[in-house]
Amino acid sequence: MSDVSTSKRRFAEKSAAQTKGVFNKSGAAITEGARQAEQSASAAMNGVRECHLKVVGMVQENTDAGFDLARELASVQTPSEPVEVWNAWARSAYNTLLEQTKELSALAQKAATSTAQPLTNELVPSGVVIKRKETRTRA
């Protein structure tokens, strides 16, 4: 009978040791996941902050351009000058809008990439290259 109780005790000890090992590994995985989520959230906040500062700068630039337009319109001398001033401003505003859109798009892409980086580092083993699907742009 003592052989049975000894084998039961060994089985119980082995099971307890395995359970403890699994529990410790799970705890480490959860801790690592939390660390990666924290890094991702921090990167997202930095990206949002960069975008916000860029937009504030663009608003200031656009407001200044609007006041410059008002000053120029207030100083016109002939009836045709307002049209010329307005057309020049419209061309400039359109080009500025295109540039600002490109800048914000690039900044948003950078923010998205840096936000996802901590998570993808764990999911994709180092040395593995992921090819992006090419997207076609309309001309």
Protein backbone atom coordinates (compact mmCIF):
# COMPACT_ATOMS: atom_id res chain seq x y z
CA MET A 1 0.00 0.00 0.00
CA SER A 2 2.88 2.35 0.67
CA ASP A 3 4.03 1.89 -2.96
CA VAL A 4 0.64 3.14 -4.15
CA SER A 5 0.71 6.17 -1.86
CA THR A 6 4.31 6.93 -2.84
CA SER A 7 3.42 6.79 -6.54
CA LYS A 8 0.32 8.94 -5.95
CA ARG A 9 2.42 11.47 -4.06
CA ARG A 10 5.05 11.54 -6.86
CA PHE A 11 2.31 11.96 -9.47
CA ALA A 12 0.75 14.78 -7.43
CA GLU A 13 4.14 16.49 -6.98
CA LYS A 14 4.93 16.14 -10.69
CA SER A 15 1.51 17.52 -11.61
CA ALA A 16 1.94 20.42 -9.19
CA ALA A 17 5.38 21.21 -10.62
CA GLN A 18 4.05 21.14 -14.19
CA THR A 19 1.10 23.33 -13.24
CA LYS A 20 3.43 25.80 -11.50
CA GLY A 21 5.65 25.88 -14.63
CA VAL A 22 2.68 26.54 -16.91
CA PHE A 23 1.40 29.21 -14.52
CA ASN A 24 4.81 30.94 -14.46
CA LYS A 25 5.07 30.85 -18.27
CA SER A 26 1.53 32.23 -18.57
CA GLY A 27 2.36 35.01 -16.14
CA ALA A 28 5.46 35.94 -18.10
CA ALA A 29 3.48 35.94 -21.36
CA ILE A 30 0.80 38.17 -19.84
CA THR A 31 3.43 40.55 -18.49
CA GLU A 32 5.11 40.73 -21.90
CA GLY A 33 1.77 41.32 -23.61
CA ALA A 34 0.99 44.14 -21.20
CA ARG A 35 4.42 45.69 -21.85
CA GLN A 36 3.86 45.56 -25.60
CA ALA A 37 0.39 47.05 -25.25
CA GLU A 38 1.85 49.85 -23.14
CA GLN A 39 4.54 50.54 -25.76
CA SER A 40 1.91 50.55 -28.49
CA ALA A 41 -0.32 52.95 -26.54
CA SER A 42 2.65 55.22 -25.86
CA ALA A 43 3.57 55.25 -29.56
CA ALA A 44 -0.06 56.01 -30.44
CA MET A 45 -0.14 58.95 -28.02
CA ASN A 46 3.11 60.31 -29.47
CA GLY A 47 1.67 59.98 -32.97
CA VAL A 48 -1.53 61.77 -31.98
CA ARG A 49 0.52 64.52 -30.32
CA GLU A 50 2.65 64.97 -33.47
CA CYS A 51 -0.44 65.11 -35.68
CA HIS A 52 -2.12 67.59 -33.35
CA LEU A 53 0.91 69.89 -33.33
CA LYS A 54 1.16 69.67 -37.11
CA VAL A 55 -2.54 70.56 -37.52
CA VAL A 56 -2.20 73.50 -35.10
CA GLY A 57 0.75 74.76 -37.17
CA MET A 58 -1.25 74.38 -40.36
CA VAL A 59 -4.20 76.25 -38.88
CA GLN A 60 -1.86 79.10 -37.92
CA GLU A 61 -0.36 79.14 -41.42
CA ASN A 62 -3.81 79.14 -43.07
CA THR A 63 -5.10 81.86 -40.74
CA ASP A 64 -2.10 84.05 -41.54
CA ALA A 65 -2.74 83.49 -45.26
CA GLY A 66 -6.38 84.53 -44.78
CA PHE A 67 -5.36 87.75 -43.04
CA ASP A 68 -2.79 88.43 -45.77
CA LEU A 69 -5.57 88.04 -48.34
CA ALA A 70 -7.80 90.44 -46.42
CA ARG A 71 -4.99 93.02 -46.26
CA GLU A 72 -4.33 92.71 -50.00
CA LEU A 73 -8.04 92.99 -50.83
CA ALA A 74 -8.35 96.06 -48.61
CA SER A 75 -5.53 97.78 -50.49
CA VAL A 76 -6.72 97.23 -54.07
CA GLN A 77 -6.91 100.30 -56.29
CA THR A 78 -8.74 99.13 -59.39
CA PRO A 79 -11.91 97.09 -59.92
CA SER A 80 -9.97 94.23 -61.56
CA GLU A 81 -7.42 93.85 -58.76
CA PRO A 82 -9.70 91.93 -56.37
CA VAL A 83 -10.16 89.21 -58.98
CA GLU A 84 -6.41 89.00 -59.59
CA VAL A 85 -5.63 88.92 -55.87
CA TRP A 86 -8.33 86.32 -55.23
CA ASN A 87 -7.14 84.08 -58.10
CA ALA A 88 -3.54 84.22 -56.90
CA TRP A 89 -4.63 83.41 -53.36
CA ALA A 90 -6.84 80.52 -54.54
CA ARG A 91 -3.95 78.94 -56.48
CA SER A 92 -1.66 79.33 -53.50
CA ALA A 93 -4.29 77.95 -51.09
CA TYR A 94 -4.86 74.92 -53.33
CA ASN A 95 -1.12 74.15 -53.48
CA THR A 96 -0.83 74.63 -49.72
CA LEU A 97 -3.75 72.26 -49.16
CA LEU A 98 -2.10 69.61 -51.33
CA GLU A 99 1.17 69.90 -49.41
CA GLN A 100 -0.57 69.86 -46.03
CA THR A 101 -2.54 66.77 -47.04
CA LYS A 102 0.67 64.99 -48.05
CA GLU A 103 2.36 65.95 -44.78
CA LEU A 104 -0.56 64.80 -42.65
CA SER A 105 -0.86 61.54 -44.59
CA ALA A 106 2.82 60.80 -44.10
CA LEU A 107 2.61 61.67 -40.41
CA ALA A 108 -0.48 59.48 -39.93
CA GLN A 109 1.26 56.59 -41.70
CA LYS A 110 4.32 57.03 -39.49
CA ALA A 111 2.12 57.07 -36.38
CA ALA A 112 0.24 53.95 -37.45
CA THR A 113 3.47 52.10 -38.20
CA SER A 114 5.09 53.04 -34.90
CA THR A 115 1.92 52.12 -33.01
CA ALA A 116 1.76 48.66 -34.54
CA GLN A 117 5.51 48.00 -34.33
CA PRO A 118 5.64 46.71 -30.72
CA LEU A 119 2.84 44.26 -31.48
CA THR A 120 4.18 43.05 -34.82
CA ASN A 121 7.65 42.53 -33.36
CA GLU A 122 6.20 39.76 -31.20
CA LEU A 123 4.00 38.26 -33.91
CA VAL A 124 6.61 38.18 -36.67
CA PRO A 125 9.93 36.49 -35.89
CA SER A 126 13.02 38.58 -36.61
CA GLY A 127 14.51 38.01 -40.01
CA VAL A 128 11.14 37.35 -41.65
CA VAL A 129 10.29 39.79 -44.42
CA ILE A 130 6.66 40.60 -45.03
CA LYS A 131 5.89 41.81 -48.53
CA ARG A 132 3.24 44.44 -48.86
CA LYS A 133 0.57 44.10 -51.46
CA GLU A 134 1.04 46.76 -54.11
CA THR A 135 -1.76 49.25 -54.44
CA ARG A 136 -2.53 50.92 -57.69
CA THR A 137 -3.08 54.64 -57.85
CA ARG A 138 -5.22 56.27 -60.43
CA ALA A 139 -3.51 58.78 -62.62
